[in-house]
Protein backbone atom coordinates (compact mmCIF):
# COMPACT_ATOMS: atom_id res chain seq x y z
CA UNK A 1 99.57 111.33 117.90
CA UNK A 2 95.83 110.76 117.87
CA UNK A 3 94.26 108.91 114.96
CA UNK A 4 90.49 109.06 114.49
CA UNK A 5 88.24 106.94 112.29
CA UNK A 6 84.96 108.71 113.18
CA UNK A 7 86.39 108.27 112.34
CA UNK A 8 96.54 115.97 89.70
CA UNK A 9 95.09 116.10 87.53
CA UNK A 10 96.47 112.64 88.04
CA UNK A 11 99.17 111.49 85.68
CA UNK A 12 99.63 108.72 88.22
CA UNK A 13 96.11 107.53 87.46
CA UNK A 14 97.63 105.48 84.67
CA UNK A 15 98.68 103.16 87.48
CA UNK A 16 94.99 102.39 87.98
CA UNK A 17 94.98 100.57 84.64
CA UNK A 18 92.90 103.19 82.83
CA UNK A 19 89.62 103.15 84.77
CA UNK A 20 86.54 102.16 82.74
CA UNK A 21 84.99 105.60 83.20
CA UNK A 22 88.09 107.10 81.59
CA UNK A 23 88.50 104.48 78.87
CA UNK A 24 84.95 105.17 77.77
CA UNK A 25 86.01 108.72 76.98
CA UNK A 26 89.12 107.58 75.15
CA UNK A 27 91.29 109.52 77.58
CA UNK A 28 93.51 108.73 80.53
CA UNK A 29 93.28 112.04 82.39
CA UNK A 30 91.46 112.53 85.65
CA UNK A 31 89.29 115.55 85.03
CA UNK A 32 85.86 116.83 85.98
CA UNK A 33 84.13 114.73 83.32
CA UNK A 34 85.92 111.57 84.44
CA UNK A 35 85.05 112.31 88.05
CA UNK A 36 81.36 112.81 87.27
CA UNK A 37 81.27 109.64 85.15
CA UNK A 38 82.91 107.58 87.89
CA UNK A 39 80.54 108.98 90.51
CA UNK A 40 77.54 108.11 88.38
CA UNK A 41 78.87 104.60 87.69
CA UNK A 42 79.25 104.07 91.44
CA UNK A 43 75.63 105.03 92.11
CA UNK A 44 76.47 108.48 93.51
CA UNK A 45 75.45 110.83 90.71
CA UNK A 46 76.44 114.39 91.58
CA UNK A 47 77.58 117.66 90.07
CA UNK A 48 80.50 120.00 90.60
CA UNK A 49 81.70 123.15 88.85
CA UNK A 50 84.94 123.30 86.91
CA UNK A 51 86.18 125.95 89.32
CA UNK A 52 85.48 123.80 92.39
CA UNK A 53 87.04 120.73 90.81
CA UNK A 54 90.17 122.68 89.83
CA UNK A 55 90.51 124.03 93.38
CA UNK A 56 90.47 120.47 94.74
CA UNK A 57 93.17 119.34 92.32
CA UNK A 58 95.34 122.34 93.14
CA UNK A 59 95.59 121.22 96.78
CA UNK A 60 96.69 117.66 96.08
CA UNK A 61 100.42 118.19 95.51
CA UNK A 62 100.69 120.00 98.84
CA UNK A 63 98.85 117.15 100.59
CA UNK A 64 101.26 114.63 99.07
CA UNK A 65 104.24 116.62 100.34
CA UNK A 66 102.57 116.88 103.75
CA UNK A 67 102.21 113.09 103.91
CA UNK A 68 105.80 112.51 102.85
CA UNK A 69 107.14 114.95 105.45
CA UNK A 70 104.94 113.43 108.13
CA UNK A 71 106.08 109.87 107.40
CA UNK A 72 109.70 111.01 107.28
CA UNK A 73 109.22 112.45 110.75
CA UNK A 74 107.37 109.47 112.21
CA UNK A 75 109.31 106.59 110.64
CA UNK A 76 112.61 108.16 109.66
CA UNK A 77 111.78 107.69 105.98
CA UNK A 78 108.54 107.66 104.03
CA UNK A 79 107.85 104.44 102.15
CA UNK A 80 107.73 105.50 98.47
CA UNK A 81 105.02 102.90 97.79
CA UNK A 82 102.77 104.49 100.41
CA UNK A 83 103.25 107.96 98.94
CA UNK A 84 102.69 106.70 95.38
CA UNK A 85 99.54 104.91 96.51
CA UNK A 86 98.08 108.16 97.78
CA UNK A 87 99.10 110.00 94.63
CA UNK A 88 97.38 107.38 92.48
CA UNK A 89 93.97 107.89 94.10
CA UNK A 90 91.49 110.75 93.71
CA UNK A 91 90.58 111.26 97.37
CA UNK A 92 87.72 113.58 96.44
CA UNK A 93 85.94 110.54 94.98
CA UNK A 94 85.70 109.05 98.50
CA UNK A 95 84.29 112.18 100.17
CA UNK A 96 80.62 111.21 100.15
CA UNK A 97 77.95 110.93 102.85
CA UNK A 98 76.05 107.71 102.12
CA UNK A 99 73.31 108.35 104.64
CA UNK A 100 72.61 111.93 103.60
CA UNK A 101 73.48 111.40 99.91
CA UNK A 102 75.64 114.51 99.96
CA UNK A 103 78.91 115.32 98.24
CA UNK A 104 81.89 116.38 100.37
CA UNK A 105 84.51 116.47 97.59
CA UNK A 106 85.24 120.14 98.24
CA UNK A 107 86.85 119.11 101.55
CA UNK A 108 89.48 116.85 99.97
CA UNK A 109 93.19 117.49 100.66
CA UNK A 110 92.43 119.92 103.48
CA UNK A 111 95.40 121.65 105.09
CA UNK A 112 94.33 120.55 108.58
CA UNK A 113 93.62 116.82 108.09
CA UNK A 114 90.57 115.60 109.97
CA UNK A 115 87.94 112.85 109.74
CA UNK A 116 84.81 113.55 107.67
CA UNK A 117 81.44 111.95 108.33
CA UNK A 118 80.15 109.56 105.68
CA UNK A 119 76.96 108.56 107.48
CA UNK A 120 75.82 105.65 109.64
CA UNK A 121 78.24 106.71 112.37
CA UNK A 122 81.28 106.12 110.15
CA UNK A 123 83.88 108.45 108.67
CA UNK A 124 86.57 108.97 106.10
CA UNK A 125 89.59 109.08 108.42
CA UNK A 126 92.13 111.88 108.24
CA UNK A 127 94.75 111.19 105.62
CA UNK A 128 97.77 111.58 107.89
CA UNK A 129 96.39 108.95 110.26
CA UNK A 130 95.69 106.67 107.30
CA UNK A 131 99.20 107.29 105.97
CA UNK A 132 100.66 106.29 109.34
CA UNK A 133 98.67 103.05 109.51
CA UNK A 134 99.40 102.23 105.88
CA UNK A 135 103.15 102.50 106.42
CA UNK A 136 102.90 100.64 109.74
CA UNK A 137 101.47 97.68 107.80
CA UNK A 138 104.77 97.31 105.88
CA UNK A 139 102.78 96.04 102.89
CA UNK A 140 104.61 94.56 99.89
CA UNK A 141 103.55 93.97 96.26
CA UNK A 142 103.18 90.22 96.77
CA UNK A 143 101.02 90.54 99.89
CA UNK A 144 97.38 89.67 100.47
CA UNK A 145 95.76 92.12 102.88
CA UNK A 146 92.58 92.24 104.95
CA UNK A 147 90.93 95.37 106.32
CA UNK A 148 88.34 95.26 109.09
CA UNK A 149 86.04 98.26 108.69
CA UNK A 150 85.70 99.32 105.04
CA UNK A 151 84.09 102.67 105.85
CA UNK A 152 84.61 105.05 102.94
CA UNK A 153 86.77 102.53 101.08
CA UNK A 154 89.77 104.84 100.92
CA UNK A 155 92.03 102.79 103.18
CA UNK A 156 91.27 99.63 101.21
CA UNK A 157 91.89 101.47 97.95
CA UNK A 158 95.20 102.86 99.25
CA UNK A 159 96.49 99.44 100.26
CA UNK A 160 95.26 97.99 96.95
CA UNK A 161 97.78 100.21 95.16
CA UNK A 162 100.55 98.42 97.09
CA UNK A 163 99.47 94.79 97.56
CA UNK A 164 98.50 92.00 95.17
CA UNK A 165 95.04 91.43 96.64
CA UNK A 166 92.97 93.49 99.07
CA UNK A 167 89.95 92.25 101.05
CA UNK A 168 87.75 94.43 103.25
CA UNK A 169 84.78 93.79 105.55
CA UNK A 170 82.15 96.32 106.67
CA UNK A 171 79.59 95.46 109.34
CA UNK A 172 77.13 98.29 108.53
CA UNK A 173 74.93 96.84 105.80
CA UNK A 174 73.77 99.97 103.91
CA UNK A 175 77.27 101.44 104.00
CA UNK A 176 79.06 98.24 103.02
CA UNK A 177 76.59 97.52 100.22
CA UNK A 178 76.96 101.00 98.75
CA UNK A 179 80.75 101.13 99.03
CA UNK A 180 81.06 97.83 97.14
CA UNK A 181 80.21 99.80 93.99
CA UNK A 182 82.93 102.43 94.19
CA UNK A 183 86.04 100.43 93.27
CA UNK A 184 85.24 99.21 89.75
CA UNK A 185 84.75 102.69 88.23
CA UNK A 186 88.35 103.48 89.23
CA UNK A 187 89.66 100.21 87.83
CA UNK A 188 90.55 98.89 91.29
CA UNK A 189 90.04 95.27 90.31
CA UNK A 190 92.14 93.71 93.08
CA UNK A 191 89.73 94.79 95.84
CA UNK A 192 87.00 92.51 97.19
CA UNK A 193 84.60 93.64 99.89
CA UNK A 194 81.68 92.16 101.74
CA UNK A 195 79.21 93.00 104.47
CA UNK A 196 79.89 90.99 107.61
CA UNK A 197 81.37 90.92 111.08
CA UNK A 198 85.12 91.47 110.93
CA UNK A 199 85.49 89.72 114.29
CA UNK A 200 85.52 86.45 112.32
CA UNK A 201 87.85 87.67 109.58
CA UNK A 202 87.57 86.14 106.10
CA UNK A 203 88.27 82.42 106.61
CA UNK A 204 87.39 81.49 103.03
CA UNK A 205 90.57 83.17 101.76
CA UNK A 206 92.98 80.29 101.40
CA UNK A 207 96.36 80.75 103.07
CA UNK A 208 95.36 83.72 105.20
CA UNK A 209 96.77 87.24 105.12
CA UNK A 210 100.19 88.86 105.12
CA UNK A 211 98.66 92.11 106.39
CA UNK A 212 95.60 92.73 108.56
CA UNK A 213 94.58 96.31 109.33
CA UNK A 214 91.77 97.05 111.76
CA UNK A 215 90.19 100.50 111.59
CA UNK A 216 87.95 100.28 114.65
CA UNK A 217 88.85 99.86 118.32
CA UNK A 218 88.78 96.28 119.60
CA UNK A 219 88.57 95.47 123.31
CA UNK A 220 90.82 92.48 122.63
CA UNK A 221 92.32 90.85 119.55
CA UNK A 222 89.76 88.62 117.78
CA UNK A 223 91.21 85.08 117.82
CA UNK A 224 90.16 84.51 114.20
CA UNK A 225 92.39 87.36 113.05
CA UNK A 226 95.41 85.86 114.77
CA UNK A 227 94.59 82.50 113.19
CA UNK A 228 94.27 84.04 109.71
CA UNK A 229 97.53 86.01 109.98
CA UNK A 230 100.20 84.20 107.99
CA UNK A 231 103.56 83.27 109.53
CA UNK A 232 105.66 86.36 108.91
CA UNK A 233 102.48 88.45 108.81
CA UNK A 234 101.70 91.75 110.49
CA UNK A 235 98.50 93.12 112.05
CA UNK A 236 97.86 96.76 112.94
CA UNK A 237 94.97 97.08 115.41
CA UNK A 238 93.65 99.72 117.83
CA UNK A 239 92.86 98.27 121.27
CA UNK A 240 90.89 99.96 124.03
CA UNK A 241 87.48 100.51 125.54
CA UNK A 242 84.59 101.89 123.43
CA UNK A 243 84.36 105.69 123.26
CA UNK A 244 87.13 106.18 125.80
CA UNK A 245 90.53 107.73 125.63
CA UNK A 246 93.44 105.48 126.40
CA UNK A 247 93.20 103.44 123.21
CA UNK A 248 96.51 102.45 121.63
CA UNK A 249 97.58 101.12 118.30
CA UNK A 250 99.27 97.73 118.59
CA UNK A 251 101.44 95.95 116.07
CA UNK A 252 101.14 92.15 116.09
CA UNK A 253 103.55 89.92 114.21
CA UNK A 254 103.64 86.17 113.76
CA UNK A 255 106.99 84.41 113.56
CA UNK A 256 107.70 81.64 111.06
CA UNK A 257 107.11 79.14 113.87
CA UNK A 258 103.70 80.65 114.66
CA UNK A 259 104.71 82.57 117.78
CA UNK A 260 102.78 85.83 118.12
CA UNK A 261 104.47 89.00 119.38
CA UNK A 262 102.95 92.41 120.08
CA UNK A 263 104.22 95.96 120.40
CA UNK A 264 102.41 98.98 121.80
CA UNK A 265 102.57 101.89 119.37
CA UNK A 266 100.85 105.29 119.40
CA UNK A 267 97.78 106.60 121.21
CA UNK A 268 94.65 106.60 119.05
CA UNK A 269 90.90 107.15 119.21
CA UNK A 270 88.60 105.02 117.06
CA UNK A 271 84.93 104.12 117.07
CA UNK A 272 84.41 100.65 118.54
CA UNK A 273 84.33 97.32 116.78
CA UNK A 274 80.71 96.18 117.04
CA UNK A 275 79.00 92.83 116.47
CA UNK A 276 80.45 89.80 118.24
CA UNK A 277 83.16 91.92 119.90
CA UNK A 278 80.45 93.67 121.94
CA UNK A 279 78.55 90.48 122.71
CA UNK A 280 81.17 87.87 123.54
CA UNK A 281 83.38 87.87 126.63
CA UNK A 282 87.10 87.88 126.03
CA UNK A 283 88.17 84.31 125.17
CA UNK A 284 90.84 82.77 127.37
CA UNK A 285 93.09 82.26 124.37
CA UNK A 286 92.73 85.82 123.03
CA UNK A 287 96.11 87.38 122.33
CA UNK A 288 97.21 89.90 124.95
CA UNK A 289 99.36 92.94 124.26
CA UNK A 290 102.83 92.59 125.75
CA UNK A 291 105.22 95.27 126.94
CA UNK A 292 107.61 96.04 124.12
CA UNK A 293 110.40 98.42 123.15
CA UNK A 294 109.71 101.93 121.95
CA UNK A 295 107.96 102.54 118.66
CA UNK A 296 110.15 102.35 115.59
CA UNK A 297 110.97 105.62 113.95
CA UNK A 298 110.95 107.54 117.24
């Protein structure tokens, strides 16, 4: 499997605590008017026809079934919380090119999942790859999670539907600044983002993180992320050389006694982690991937 970050009309939207854009209309349905209001509130005013919006919604149920079947195949059983998280989000809202100021909503829920450019060299990753990484995190309702590489914001939003608190860091200033505005209009009030270098994690968060998900390829594991991973925590991170094949997803876990273990998972292809990762030599104490048994779920 290659993952790439370049990369229901929603009855389930009630789970988003009645987004402000919807409450303002006195309705809880996700419809064209709610979509346009949320886009405007997020600083991305746009337009779309009723016919185009309806066509997007008509594809969603099939995409949900595709995700469930895919996770059943990869893990043996799809995590219901992961599937519900996808159902609860309007993916079309995240299809936007921030550099070109163009709307890509018409591409949402495509039958052949692929990454879509959102500008500044970043992308909205394909939803099957995101589903895989989301389930690999083994996130729980009581967890605090950190994402390195906010991008479109969809991965952070997806995890926010599962965990208690979601943090996300984006190194590209214009992208990270713009994406900070997209969560509130959907009522995603447990997401906090900032512009910064994910190499250093988010040390101000007391107690660290139960889940860390990295959505860019690191040449080695940033020591700060290992330090900020809680005992019993889990980190999902692509490791490999920039712009080269041969990258792999690794799963890192930290035992209750602080011992760190790693497991090589699937082959992936991600854009590189930039910033300090590209400037600093590998520290002597950086965690190294270890040979491990085959990936769970076959």
